[in-house]
Amino acid sequence: MKPFVFINAAISIDGRLTDWRRKQVRISCKEDLIRVDKLRAESDAILVGIGTVLSDNPSLTVKSNELRKKRISEGKDPNPIRIVLDSKARTPVNSKILSKDARTIIAVTNKADENRVAELKEYAEIVVLGEDKVNLYSLMSFLSKIGVRKLMVEGGGKVIASFLKSNLVDKIYTYVGGFVFGEGVSFAEGRVNARFKLASVERIGSGVVLEWIPINS
């Protein structure tokens, strides 16, 4: 038993999440940000890796007041649970993701520094799942047990690749914006052999959203 897992990412024409400096660039347009906010509001949890926390310092909260009210009317918290894959417990204590706006869970490993883990426990829930790397199958089991039915994965490239390698992805949304970087963080960093088929195409603002499902679906 595992949550329904979907990836959402904004990429350049040449499949990059960042520019050649490995810096985050606003690829999405205003209209697409509204779409992403709806996806967040419809999710039980949102997951990123420590790289995204360190480089972008995201809050991972629902921006629309109306969408937050809708979640509350459905008996949910205003914002989804925030999940961080952080093997070595490197999340800075002043990160936006540790605000009181939403429940935050940091997944670490047995190799994480005990003092850092103790410090982070003041701000978030800590789960130890693995030796060197967070075991994604154990994480899926844990999330299922706490009631997460729909998990949104927002990256970065190494996290996306790890989910694809583990065959845990049920759907992918890619917003393709009008940029070409040549270099930068790829949509999936590392060797991946996963096949998907195109389920839908939608033009949004200045770009296009592609919906992908596993080839055996």
N, C-alpha and C. Protein backbone atom coordinates (compact mmCIF):
# COMPACT_ATOMS: atom_id res chain seq x y z
N MET A 1 0.84 -1.20 0.00
CA MET A 1 0.00 0.00 0.00
C MET A 1 0.88 1.24 0.00
N LYS A 2 0.64 2.13 -0.95
CA LYS A 2 1.41 3.37 -1.00
C LYS A 2 0.51 4.49 -1.49
N PRO A 3 0.90 5.73 -1.25
CA PRO A 3 0.12 6.85 -1.79
C PRO A 3 0.19 6.89 -3.32
N PHE A 4 -0.77 7.57 -3.92
CA PHE A 4 -0.68 7.90 -5.34
C PHE A 4 0.40 8.98 -5.45
N VAL A 5 1.43 8.72 -6.24
CA VAL A 5 2.58 9.62 -6.33
C VAL A 5 2.60 10.29 -7.70
N PHE A 6 2.64 11.61 -7.69
CA PHE A 6 2.80 12.31 -8.97
C PHE A 6 3.89 13.37 -8.84
N ILE A 7 4.57 13.57 -9.94
CA ILE A 7 5.64 14.56 -10.02
C ILE A 7 5.11 15.77 -10.79
N ASN A 8 5.42 16.95 -10.29
CA ASN A 8 5.12 18.16 -11.04
C ASN A 8 6.39 18.99 -11.13
N ALA A 9 6.72 19.41 -12.35
CA ALA A 9 7.94 20.19 -12.53
C ALA A 9 7.79 21.14 -13.71
N ALA A 10 8.45 22.28 -13.60
CA ALA A 10 8.56 23.21 -14.72
C ALA A 10 9.94 23.04 -15.32
N ILE A 11 9.99 22.79 -16.61
CA ILE A 11 11.26 22.53 -17.27
C ILE A 11 11.43 23.42 -18.49
N SER A 12 12.70 23.59 -18.90
CA SER A 12 13.00 24.32 -20.12
C SER A 12 12.73 23.43 -21.33
N ILE A 13 12.84 23.99 -22.50
CA ILE A 13 12.65 23.22 -23.73
C ILE A 13 13.61 22.03 -23.78
N ASP A 14 14.82 22.23 -23.23
CA ASP A 14 15.82 21.16 -23.25
C ASP A 14 15.84 20.37 -21.94
N GLY A 15 14.74 20.42 -21.19
CA GLY A 15 14.57 19.52 -20.07
C GLY A 15 15.33 19.86 -18.80
N ARG A 16 15.59 21.15 -18.58
CA ARG A 16 16.33 21.56 -17.39
C ARG A 16 15.40 22.18 -16.35
N LEU A 17 15.70 21.89 -15.07
CA LEU A 17 14.96 22.51 -13.98
C LEU A 17 15.56 23.85 -13.59
N THR A 18 16.85 24.04 -13.90
CA THR A 18 17.56 25.28 -13.57
C THR A 18 18.38 25.73 -14.78
N ASP A 19 18.98 26.92 -14.64
CA ASP A 19 19.86 27.38 -15.72
C ASP A 19 21.26 26.80 -15.53
N TRP A 20 22.21 27.23 -16.35
CA TRP A 20 23.56 26.67 -16.35
C TRP A 20 24.31 26.95 -15.05
N ARG A 21 23.84 27.95 -14.29
CA ARG A 21 24.46 28.23 -12.98
C ARG A 21 23.86 27.36 -11.88
N ARG A 22 22.92 26.48 -12.29
CA ARG A 22 22.17 25.63 -11.36
C ARG A 22 21.35 26.49 -10.40
N LYS A 23 20.95 27.65 -10.92
CA LYS A 23 20.10 28.57 -10.16
C LYS A 23 18.66 28.44 -10.62
N GLN A 24 17.74 28.55 -9.67
CA GLN A 24 16.32 28.46 -10.00
C GLN A 24 15.90 29.67 -10.83
N VAL A 25 15.21 29.41 -11.92
CA VAL A 25 14.69 30.45 -12.80
C VAL A 25 13.19 30.25 -12.92
N ARG A 26 12.43 31.34 -12.89
CA ARG A 26 10.98 31.22 -13.00
C ARG A 26 10.61 30.83 -14.43
N ILE A 27 10.42 29.54 -14.63
CA ILE A 27 10.04 29.03 -15.95
C ILE A 27 8.54 29.11 -16.15
N SER A 28 7.79 28.84 -15.09
CA SER A 28 6.33 28.87 -15.17
C SER A 28 5.81 30.28 -15.39
N CYS A 29 4.64 30.35 -16.00
CA CYS A 29 3.94 31.63 -16.15
C CYS A 29 2.92 31.76 -15.01
N LYS A 30 2.28 32.91 -14.93
CA LYS A 30 1.31 33.18 -13.87
C LYS A 30 0.18 32.16 -13.87
N GLU A 31 -0.31 31.83 -15.07
CA GLU A 31 -1.42 30.88 -15.19
C GLU A 31 -1.02 29.49 -14.68
N ASP A 32 0.23 29.12 -14.92
CA ASP A 32 0.66 27.80 -14.48
C ASP A 32 0.84 27.75 -12.96
N LEU A 33 1.23 28.85 -12.36
CA LEU A 33 1.37 28.88 -10.91
C LEU A 33 0.02 28.63 -10.24
N ILE A 34 -1.06 29.09 -10.87
CA ILE A 34 -2.40 28.83 -10.35
C ILE A 34 -2.71 27.33 -10.43
N ARG A 35 -2.32 26.71 -11.54
CA ARG A 35 -2.51 25.26 -11.70
C ARG A 35 -1.75 24.49 -10.62
N VAL A 36 -0.51 24.88 -10.37
CA VAL A 36 0.32 24.21 -9.38
C VAL A 36 -0.28 24.37 -7.98
N ASP A 37 -0.81 25.55 -7.70
CA ASP A 37 -1.42 25.79 -6.40
C ASP A 37 -2.62 24.86 -6.17
N LYS A 38 -3.37 24.63 -7.24
CA LYS A 38 -4.51 23.71 -7.14
C LYS A 38 -4.03 22.28 -6.89
N LEU A 39 -2.95 21.89 -7.55
CA LEU A 39 -2.39 20.54 -7.34
C LEU A 39 -1.95 20.38 -5.89
N ARG A 40 -1.32 21.41 -5.36
CA ARG A 40 -0.90 21.36 -3.95
C ARG A 40 -2.11 21.22 -3.03
N ALA A 41 -3.13 22.00 -3.31
CA ALA A 41 -4.33 22.00 -2.46
C ALA A 41 -5.03 20.64 -2.49
N GLU A 42 -4.90 19.92 -3.59
CA GLU A 42 -5.55 18.63 -3.75
C GLU A 42 -4.71 17.48 -3.18
N SER A 43 -3.50 17.78 -2.72
CA SER A 43 -2.58 16.75 -2.24
C SER A 43 -2.62 16.65 -0.71
N ASP A 44 -2.27 15.47 -0.22
CA ASP A 44 -2.17 15.28 1.22
C ASP A 44 -0.79 15.66 1.73
N ALA A 45 0.20 15.55 0.86
CA ALA A 45 1.57 15.88 1.25
C ALA A 45 2.36 16.31 0.02
N ILE A 46 3.39 17.14 0.26
CA ILE A 46 4.28 17.63 -0.79
C ILE A 46 5.71 17.30 -0.39
N LEU A 47 6.48 16.75 -1.33
CA LEU A 47 7.83 16.30 -1.00
C LEU A 47 8.89 16.99 -1.85
N VAL A 48 9.98 17.37 -1.20
CA VAL A 48 11.17 17.89 -1.90
C VAL A 48 12.40 17.29 -1.24
N GLY A 49 13.53 17.47 -1.89
CA GLY A 49 14.80 17.03 -1.33
C GLY A 49 15.51 18.17 -0.64
N ILE A 50 16.56 17.85 0.11
CA ILE A 50 17.31 18.86 0.83
C ILE A 50 17.94 19.87 -0.13
N GLY A 51 18.29 19.43 -1.34
CA GLY A 51 18.88 20.35 -2.32
C GLY A 51 17.96 21.50 -2.65
N THR A 52 16.68 21.19 -2.81
CA THR A 52 15.69 22.23 -3.10
C THR A 52 15.53 23.16 -1.90
N VAL A 53 15.54 22.61 -0.70
CA VAL A 53 15.43 23.45 0.50
C VAL A 53 16.60 24.42 0.59
N LEU A 54 17.81 23.92 0.34
CA LEU A 54 19.00 24.75 0.46
C LEU A 54 19.11 25.80 -0.64
N SER A 55 18.67 25.45 -1.85
CA SER A 55 18.84 26.38 -2.97
C SER A 55 17.68 27.35 -3.13
N ASP A 56 16.45 26.88 -2.86
CA ASP A 56 15.27 27.70 -3.14
C ASP A 56 14.54 28.19 -1.89
N ASN A 57 14.74 27.52 -0.77
CA ASN A 57 14.06 27.85 0.48
C ASN A 57 12.54 28.00 0.29
N PRO A 58 11.88 26.95 -0.21
CA PRO A 58 10.44 27.05 -0.48
C PRO A 58 9.61 26.92 0.80
N SER A 59 8.41 27.48 0.76
CA SER A 59 7.49 27.32 1.90
C SER A 59 6.58 26.12 1.70
N LEU A 60 6.33 25.74 0.43
CA LEU A 60 5.49 24.60 0.07
C LEU A 60 4.09 24.68 0.70
N THR A 61 3.53 25.86 0.67
CA THR A 61 2.17 26.05 1.18
C THR A 61 1.23 26.44 0.05
N VAL A 62 -0.06 26.30 0.29
CA VAL A 62 -1.08 26.72 -0.68
C VAL A 62 -1.19 28.24 -0.63
N LYS A 63 -1.08 28.88 -1.77
CA LYS A 63 -1.07 30.34 -1.80
C LYS A 63 -2.47 30.94 -1.76
N SER A 64 -3.42 30.27 -2.41
CA SER A 64 -4.79 30.80 -2.52
C SER A 64 -5.55 30.67 -1.20
N ASN A 65 -6.06 31.79 -0.73
CA ASN A 65 -6.87 31.77 0.49
C ASN A 65 -8.13 30.94 0.29
N GLU A 66 -8.71 31.01 -0.90
CA GLU A 66 -9.92 30.25 -1.20
C GLU A 66 -9.65 28.74 -1.17
N LEU A 67 -8.52 28.34 -1.70
CA LEU A 67 -8.18 26.92 -1.70
C LEU A 67 -7.90 26.43 -0.28
N ARG A 68 -7.28 27.27 0.54
CA ARG A 68 -7.05 26.88 1.94
C ARG A 68 -8.39 26.74 2.67
N LYS A 69 -9.31 27.66 2.41
CA LYS A 69 -10.64 27.58 3.04
C LYS A 69 -11.37 26.30 2.60
N LYS A 70 -11.21 25.95 1.34
CA LYS A 70 -11.85 24.74 0.82
C LYS A 70 -11.30 23.51 1.54
N ARG A 71 -10.00 23.47 1.76
CA ARG A 71 -9.40 22.35 2.47
C ARG A 71 -9.97 22.26 3.90
N ILE A 72 -10.10 23.39 4.54
CA ILE A 72 -10.63 23.42 5.91
C ILE A 72 -12.08 22.92 5.93
N SER A 73 -12.86 23.33 4.92
CA SER A 73 -14.26 22.90 4.85
C SER A 73 -14.38 21.40 4.65
N GLU A 74 -13.32 20.79 4.11
CA GLU A 74 -13.30 19.34 3.89
C GLU A 74 -12.70 18.59 5.08
N GLY A 75 -12.45 19.32 6.15
CA GLY A 75 -11.91 18.70 7.36
C GLY A 75 -10.42 18.50 7.34
N LYS A 76 -9.73 19.21 6.45
CA LYS A 76 -8.27 19.08 6.32
C LYS A 76 -7.57 20.29 6.94
N ASP A 77 -6.28 20.16 7.14
CA ASP A 77 -5.47 21.31 7.54
C ASP A 77 -5.40 22.29 6.37
N PRO A 78 -5.14 23.57 6.63
CA PRO A 78 -5.07 24.55 5.54
C PRO A 78 -4.04 24.20 4.46
N ASN A 79 -2.95 23.57 4.88
CA ASN A 79 -1.88 23.21 3.95
C ASN A 79 -1.53 21.73 4.07
N PRO A 80 -1.08 21.12 2.99
CA PRO A 80 -0.65 19.72 3.03
C PRO A 80 0.57 19.54 3.93
N ILE A 81 0.83 18.30 4.31
CA ILE A 81 2.04 17.97 5.05
C ILE A 81 3.25 18.22 4.14
N ARG A 82 4.31 18.74 4.72
CA ARG A 82 5.55 18.97 3.96
C ARG A 82 6.57 17.89 4.34
N ILE A 83 7.13 17.24 3.31
CA ILE A 83 8.11 16.16 3.51
C ILE A 83 9.45 16.59 2.92
N VAL A 84 10.52 16.41 3.68
CA VAL A 84 11.86 16.71 3.19
C VAL A 84 12.72 15.45 3.25
N LEU A 85 13.31 15.06 2.13
CA LEU A 85 14.29 13.99 2.12
C LEU A 85 15.65 14.61 2.47
N ASP A 86 16.14 14.30 3.65
CA ASP A 86 17.33 14.97 4.18
C ASP A 86 18.18 13.95 4.94
N SER A 87 18.90 13.13 4.20
CA SER A 87 19.64 12.01 4.79
C SER A 87 20.53 12.41 5.95
N LYS A 88 21.20 13.57 5.84
CA LYS A 88 22.17 13.98 6.85
C LYS A 88 21.66 15.07 7.79
N ALA A 89 20.36 15.34 7.75
CA ALA A 89 19.76 16.35 8.64
C ALA A 89 20.41 17.72 8.47
N ARG A 90 20.48 18.18 7.23
CA ARG A 90 21.13 19.47 6.94
C ARG A 90 20.15 20.63 6.83
N THR A 91 18.86 20.39 7.02
CA THR A 91 17.87 21.46 6.89
C THR A 91 18.16 22.59 7.87
N PRO A 92 18.36 23.83 7.39
CA PRO A 92 18.60 24.96 8.30
C PRO A 92 17.35 25.23 9.14
N VAL A 93 17.56 25.56 10.40
CA VAL A 93 16.42 25.76 11.30
C VAL A 93 15.61 27.01 10.96
N ASN A 94 16.18 27.90 10.15
CA ASN A 94 15.44 29.09 9.73
C ASN A 94 14.78 28.93 8.37
N SER A 95 14.70 27.70 7.87
CA SER A 95 14.07 27.44 6.57
C SER A 95 12.58 27.73 6.63
N LYS A 96 12.03 28.22 5.54
CA LYS A 96 10.60 28.49 5.47
C LYS A 96 9.78 27.22 5.66
N ILE A 97 10.36 26.10 5.27
CA ILE A 97 9.64 24.84 5.34
C ILE A 97 9.42 24.39 6.79
N LEU A 98 10.09 25.04 7.73
CA LEU A 98 9.92 24.71 9.14
C LEU A 98 8.99 25.69 9.86
N SER A 99 8.29 26.52 9.08
CA SER A 99 7.33 27.45 9.68
C SER A 99 6.17 26.67 10.29
N LYS A 100 5.35 27.35 11.05
CA LYS A 100 4.21 26.72 11.70
C LYS A 100 2.98 26.67 10.79
N ASP A 101 3.16 27.03 9.52
CA ASP A 101 2.04 27.06 8.57
C ASP A 101 1.52 25.67 8.23
N ALA A 102 2.37 24.66 8.40
CA ALA A 102 1.97 23.29 8.04
C ALA A 102 2.81 22.30 8.82
N ARG A 103 2.30 21.09 8.92
CA ARG A 103 3.05 19.99 9.53
C ARG A 103 4.23 19.65 8.63
N THR A 104 5.40 19.48 9.22
CA THR A 104 6.60 19.15 8.45
C THR A 104 7.24 17.89 8.99
N ILE A 105 7.59 16.99 8.08
CA ILE A 105 8.26 15.74 8.43
C ILE A 105 9.58 15.69 7.67
N ILE A 106 10.68 15.47 8.40
CA ILE A 106 11.99 15.35 7.77
C ILE A 106 12.44 13.90 7.87
N ALA A 107 12.69 13.30 6.72
CA ALA A 107 13.16 11.91 6.66
C ALA A 107 14.67 11.90 6.61
N VAL A 108 15.29 11.26 7.62
CA VAL A 108 16.75 11.21 7.71
C VAL A 108 17.20 9.75 7.72
N THR A 109 18.51 9.55 7.85
CA THR A 109 19.06 8.20 7.94
C THR A 109 19.83 8.03 9.25
N ASN A 110 20.31 6.83 9.47
CA ASN A 110 21.11 6.56 10.66
C ASN A 110 22.44 7.29 10.65
N LYS A 111 22.85 7.79 9.48
CA LYS A 111 24.11 8.52 9.37
C LYS A 111 23.96 10.00 9.74
N ALA A 112 22.75 10.45 10.00
CA ALA A 112 22.53 11.86 10.33
C ALA A 112 23.14 12.20 11.68
N ASP A 113 23.71 13.38 11.80
CA ASP A 113 24.31 13.85 13.04
C ASP A 113 23.26 13.95 14.14
N GLU A 114 23.53 13.33 15.28
CA GLU A 114 22.56 13.28 16.37
C GLU A 114 22.21 14.68 16.90
N ASN A 115 23.19 15.57 16.95
CA ASN A 115 22.92 16.93 17.44
C ASN A 115 22.02 17.70 16.48
N ARG A 116 22.26 17.49 15.18
CA ARG A 116 21.41 18.16 14.18
C ARG A 116 19.99 17.61 14.26
N VAL A 117 19.86 16.31 14.43
CA VAL A 117 18.54 15.70 14.54
C VAL A 117 17.81 16.24 15.76
N ALA A 118 18.52 16.34 16.88
CA ALA A 118 17.91 16.86 18.11
C ALA A 118 17.45 18.30 17.93
N GLU A 119 18.24 19.09 17.21
CA GLU A 119 17.89 20.49 16.97
C GLU A 119 16.65 20.60 16.09
N LEU A 120 16.61 19.77 15.03
CA LEU A 120 15.48 19.83 14.10
C LEU A 120 14.19 19.33 14.72
N LYS A 121 14.29 18.49 15.74
CA LYS A 121 13.10 17.97 16.41
C LYS A 121 12.30 19.08 17.09
N GLU A 122 12.93 20.23 17.31
CA GLU A 122 12.23 21.37 17.89
C GLU A 122 11.29 22.01 16.88
N TYR A 123 11.50 21.72 15.60
CA TYR A 123 10.75 22.39 14.54
C TYR A 123 9.93 21.45 13.67
N ALA A 124 10.29 20.17 13.65
CA ALA A 124 9.63 19.23 12.74
C ALA A 124 9.64 17.83 13.32
N GLU A 125 8.85 16.96 12.70
CA GLU A 125 8.87 15.54 13.06
C GLU A 125 10.01 14.87 12.30
N ILE A 126 10.75 14.03 12.98
CA ILE A 126 11.88 13.35 12.36
C ILE A 126 11.59 11.86 12.28
N VAL A 127 11.79 11.28 11.09
CA VAL A 127 11.67 9.84 10.93
C VAL A 127 12.98 9.32 10.34
N VAL A 128 13.48 8.24 10.93
CA VAL A 128 14.73 7.63 10.45
C VAL A 128 14.38 6.45 9.58
N LEU A 129 14.77 6.55 8.30
CA LEU A 129 14.36 5.54 7.32
C LEU A 129 15.53 5.19 6.40
N GLY A 130 16.47 4.40 6.89
CA GLY A 130 17.56 3.99 6.03
C GLY A 130 18.92 4.19 6.67
N GLU A 131 19.95 3.65 6.01
CA GLU A 131 21.32 3.76 6.50
C GLU A 131 22.04 4.95 5.87
N ASP A 132 22.29 4.88 4.56
CA ASP A 132 22.99 5.96 3.86
C ASP A 132 22.02 6.89 3.13
N LYS A 133 20.97 6.30 2.55
CA LYS A 133 19.96 7.08 1.85
C LYS A 133 18.59 6.74 2.41
N VAL A 134 17.67 7.70 2.33
CA VAL A 134 16.31 7.45 2.80
C VAL A 134 15.69 6.36 1.94
N ASN A 135 15.16 5.34 2.58
CA ASN A 135 14.51 4.25 1.87
C ASN A 135 13.12 4.70 1.45
N LEU A 136 12.91 4.87 0.16
CA LEU A 136 11.64 5.40 -0.33
C LEU A 136 10.47 4.44 -0.09
N TYR A 137 10.73 3.15 -0.14
CA TYR A 137 9.65 2.19 0.11
C TYR A 137 9.19 2.27 1.56
N SER A 138 10.13 2.43 2.47
CA SER A 138 9.78 2.60 3.88
C SER A 138 9.04 3.91 4.08
N LEU A 139 9.46 4.93 3.36
CA LEU A 139 8.78 6.23 3.45
C LEU A 139 7.35 6.13 2.96
N MET A 140 7.13 5.43 1.84
CA MET A 140 5.78 5.28 1.31
C MET A 140 4.89 4.54 2.31
N SER A 141 5.43 3.53 2.95
CA SER A 141 4.68 2.78 3.94
C SER A 141 4.32 3.68 5.13
N PHE A 142 5.29 4.48 5.57
CA PHE A 142 5.06 5.40 6.69
C PHE A 142 3.97 6.42 6.34
N LEU A 143 4.07 7.01 5.15
CA LEU A 143 3.10 8.03 4.74
C LEU A 143 1.70 7.43 4.62
N SER A 144 1.63 6.22 4.10
CA SER A 144 0.34 5.55 3.99
C SER A 144 -0.29 5.36 5.36
N LYS A 145 0.54 5.00 6.34
CA LYS A 145 0.03 4.75 7.69
C LYS A 145 -0.50 6.01 8.36
N ILE A 146 0.06 7.18 8.00
CA ILE A 146 -0.41 8.42 8.62
C ILE A 146 -1.50 9.10 7.79
N GLY A 147 -2.00 8.40 6.78
CA GLY A 147 -3.16 8.90 6.05
C GLY A 147 -2.88 9.66 4.77
N VAL A 148 -1.65 9.63 4.28
CA VAL A 148 -1.33 10.29 3.02
C VAL A 148 -1.76 9.40 1.87
N ARG A 149 -2.71 9.87 1.10
CA ARG A 149 -3.21 9.11 -0.05
C ARG A 149 -2.70 9.67 -1.38
N LYS A 150 -2.34 10.95 -1.38
CA LYS A 150 -1.87 11.59 -2.61
C LYS A 150 -0.63 12.42 -2.30
N LEU A 151 0.49 12.04 -2.91
CA LEU A 151 1.77 12.69 -2.65
C LEU A 151 2.26 13.43 -3.88
N MET A 152 2.54 14.70 -3.71
CA MET A 152 3.07 15.54 -4.78
C MET A 152 4.58 15.67 -4.61
N VAL A 153 5.34 15.27 -5.62
CA VAL A 153 6.80 15.37 -5.59
C VAL A 153 7.21 16.56 -6.45
N GLU A 154 7.94 17.50 -5.83
CA GLU A 154 8.33 18.70 -6.56
C GLU A 154 9.83 18.78 -6.84
N GLY A 155 10.58 17.72 -6.54
CA GLY A 155 11.98 17.72 -6.96
C GLY A 155 12.94 17.92 -5.82
N GLY A 156 14.21 18.14 -6.24
CA GLY A 156 14.78 18.37 -7.55
C GLY A 156 15.12 17.13 -8.35
N GLY A 157 16.11 17.30 -9.22
CA GLY A 157 16.42 16.27 -10.19
C GLY A 157 16.83 14.93 -9.60
N LYS A 158 17.58 14.95 -8.51
CA LYS A 158 18.01 13.69 -7.89
C LYS A 158 16.83 12.98 -7.23
N VAL A 159 15.96 13.77 -6.60
CA VAL A 159 14.78 13.19 -5.96
C VAL A 159 13.86 12.58 -7.01
N ILE A 160 13.63 13.31 -8.09
CA ILE A 160 12.78 12.80 -9.17
C ILE A 160 13.36 11.50 -9.72
N ALA A 161 14.66 11.48 -9.94
CA ALA A 161 15.30 10.27 -10.47
C ALA A 161 15.15 9.09 -9.51
N SER A 162 15.27 9.35 -8.21
CA SER A 162 15.17 8.27 -7.23
C SER A 162 13.77 7.67 -7.21
N PHE A 163 12.74 8.50 -7.37
CA PHE A 163 11.37 7.99 -7.42
C PHE A 163 11.13 7.20 -8.70
N LEU A 164 11.70 7.67 -9.81
CA LEU A 164 11.54 6.95 -11.07
C LEU A 164 12.27 5.61 -11.04
N LYS A 165 13.48 5.61 -10.49
CA LYS A 165 14.24 4.36 -10.38
C LYS A 165 13.52 3.34 -9.51
N SER A 166 12.81 3.84 -8.50
CA SER A 166 12.11 2.95 -7.57
C SER A 166 10.75 2.53 -8.07
N ASN A 167 10.38 2.99 -9.27
CA ASN A 167 9.11 2.63 -9.89
C ASN A 167 7.92 3.01 -9.00
N LEU A 168 7.98 4.21 -8.45
CA LEU A 168 6.95 4.66 -7.52
C LEU A 168 6.04 5.75 -8.10
N VAL A 169 6.29 6.14 -9.34
CA VAL A 169 5.59 7.29 -9.92
C VAL A 169 4.35 6.85 -10.70
N ASP A 170 3.21 7.45 -10.37
CA ASP A 170 1.95 7.13 -11.04
C ASP A 170 1.56 8.14 -12.12
N LYS A 171 2.15 9.33 -12.06
CA LYS A 171 1.83 10.36 -13.05
C LYS A 171 2.90 11.44 -13.00
N ILE A 172 3.13 12.07 -14.15
CA ILE A 172 4.06 13.20 -14.23
C ILE A 172 3.38 14.35 -14.96
N TYR A 173 3.52 15.55 -14.40
CA TYR A 173 3.11 16.77 -15.09
C TYR A 173 4.38 17.58 -15.35
N THR A 174 4.61 17.94 -16.60
CA THR A 174 5.73 18.82 -16.92
C THR A 174 5.21 20.06 -17.63
N TYR A 175 5.48 21.21 -17.04
CA TYR A 175 5.20 22.47 -17.72
C TYR A 175 6.45 22.86 -18.47
N VAL A 176 6.35 22.97 -19.78
CA VAL A 176 7.50 23.31 -20.62
C VAL A 176 7.40 24.78 -20.99
N GLY A 177 8.36 25.56 -20.50
CA GLY A 177 8.41 26.99 -20.78
C GLY A 177 9.41 27.31 -21.87
N GLY A 178 9.35 28.52 -22.39
CA GLY A 178 10.15 28.90 -23.54
C GLY A 178 11.57 29.31 -23.23
N PHE A 179 12.31 28.44 -22.56
CA PHE A 179 13.71 28.69 -22.24
C PHE A 179 14.57 27.55 -22.78
N VAL A 180 15.80 27.87 -23.13
CA VAL A 180 16.81 26.86 -23.46
C VAL A 180 18.06 27.23 -22.68
N PHE A 181 18.54 26.32 -21.81
CA PHE A 181 19.68 26.63 -20.96
C PHE A 181 20.96 25.92 -21.39
N GLY A 182 20.84 24.80 -22.07
CA GLY A 182 22.04 24.07 -22.50
C GLY A 182 22.66 23.24 -21.40
N GLU A 183 22.78 23.83 -20.22
CA GLU A 183 23.29 23.13 -19.05
C GLU A 183 22.39 23.46 -17.86
N GLY A 184 22.60 22.74 -16.77
CA GLY A 184 21.78 22.96 -15.58
C GLY A 184 21.29 21.63 -15.03
N VAL A 185 20.48 21.70 -14.00
CA VAL A 185 19.94 20.49 -13.38
C VAL A 185 18.90 19.87 -14.30
N SER A 186 19.09 18.61 -14.64
CA SER A 186 18.15 17.91 -15.51
C SER A 186 16.89 17.53 -14.74
N PHE A 187 15.81 17.29 -15.45
CA PHE A 187 14.55 16.85 -14.84
C PHE A 187 14.80 15.63 -13.96
N ALA A 188 15.60 14.68 -14.45
CA ALA A 188 16.01 13.52 -13.65
C ALA A 188 17.53 13.43 -13.71
N GLU A 189 18.18 13.54 -12.55
CA GLU A 189 19.63 13.53 -12.47
C GLU A 189 20.12 12.11 -12.21
N GLY A 190 20.87 11.58 -13.14
CA GLY A 190 21.37 10.21 -12.98
C GLY A 190 20.80 9.29 -14.04
N ARG A 191 21.15 8.03 -13.95
CA ARG A 191 20.70 7.05 -14.93
C ARG A 191 19.32 6.52 -14.55
N VAL A 192 18.37 6.74 -15.45
CA VAL A 192 16.99 6.29 -15.24
C VAL A 192 16.50 5.60 -16.50
N ASN A 193 15.78 4.52 -16.33
CA ASN A 193 15.18 3.84 -17.47
C ASN A 193 13.69 3.62 -17.15
N ALA A 194 12.89 4.63 -17.39
CA ALA A 194 11.46 4.57 -17.10
C ALA A 194 10.70 5.04 -18.34
N ARG A 195 9.62 4.36 -18.67
CA ARG A 195 8.85 4.71 -19.87
C ARG A 195 7.47 5.21 -19.50
N PHE A 196 7.09 6.32 -20.13
CA PHE A 196 5.78 6.92 -19.91
C PHE A 196 5.15 7.23 -21.26
N LYS A 197 3.83 7.32 -21.26
CA LYS A 197 3.13 7.72 -22.48
C LYS A 197 2.36 9.00 -22.22
N LEU A 198 2.20 9.78 -23.26
CA LEU A 198 1.54 11.08 -23.16
C LEU A 198 0.04 10.88 -23.01
N ALA A 199 -0.52 11.45 -21.94
CA ALA A 199 -1.95 11.30 -21.67
C ALA A 199 -2.73 12.53 -22.09
N SER A 200 -2.12 13.72 -21.97
CA SER A 200 -2.83 14.94 -22.38
C SER A 200 -1.84 16.07 -22.60
N VAL A 201 -2.29 17.04 -23.38
CA VAL A 201 -1.51 18.24 -23.66
C VAL A 201 -2.42 19.44 -23.48
N GLU A 202 -1.94 20.44 -22.75
CA GLU A 202 -2.75 21.64 -22.54
C GLU A 202 -1.86 22.88 -22.61
N ARG A 203 -2.25 23.80 -23.47
CA ARG A 203 -1.50 25.06 -23.53
C ARG A 203 -1.96 25.95 -22.39
N ILE A 204 -1.02 26.43 -21.60
CA ILE A 204 -1.32 27.32 -20.48
C ILE A 204 -0.38 28.52 -20.55
N GLY A 205 -0.97 29.69 -20.70
CA GLY A 205 -0.16 30.90 -20.79
C GLY A 205 0.85 30.81 -21.92
N SER A 206 2.11 31.01 -21.58
CA SER A 206 3.17 31.03 -22.59
C SER A 206 3.85 29.68 -22.78
N GLY A 207 3.30 28.64 -22.15
CA GLY A 207 3.92 27.32 -22.27
C GLY A 207 2.88 26.23 -22.46
N VAL A 208 3.30 25.00 -22.21
CA VAL A 208 2.41 23.86 -22.41
C VAL A 208 2.61 22.86 -21.26
N VAL A 209 1.50 22.28 -20.80
CA VAL A 209 1.56 21.26 -19.76
C VAL A 209 1.37 19.89 -20.40
N LEU A 210 2.30 19.00 -20.15
CA LEU A 210 2.23 17.64 -20.65
C LEU A 210 1.95 16.71 -19.47
N GLU A 211 0.95 15.87 -19.62
CA GLU A 211 0.61 14.89 -18.59
C GLU A 211 1.06 13.51 -19.06
N TRP A 212 1.83 12.82 -18.24
CA TRP A 212 2.41 11.52 -18.60
C TRP A 212 1.97 10.46 -17.60
N ILE A 213 1.71 9.25 -18.10
CA ILE A 213 1.39 8.12 -17.22
C ILE A 213 2.31 6.95 -17.60
N PRO A 214 2.59 6.06 -16.63
CA PRO A 214 3.48 4.92 -16.93
C PRO A 214 2.99 4.13 -18.13
N ILE A 215 3.89 3.60 -18.89
CA ILE A 215 3.56 2.94 -20.15
C ILE A 215 2.70 1.71 -19.95
N ASN A 216 2.74 1.11 -18.76
CA ASN A 216 1.93 -0.09 -18.51
C ASN A 216 0.57 0.23 -17.93
N SER A 217 0.22 1.54 -17.82
CA SER A 217 -1.09 1.91 -17.26
C SER A 217 -2.15 1.85 -18.35
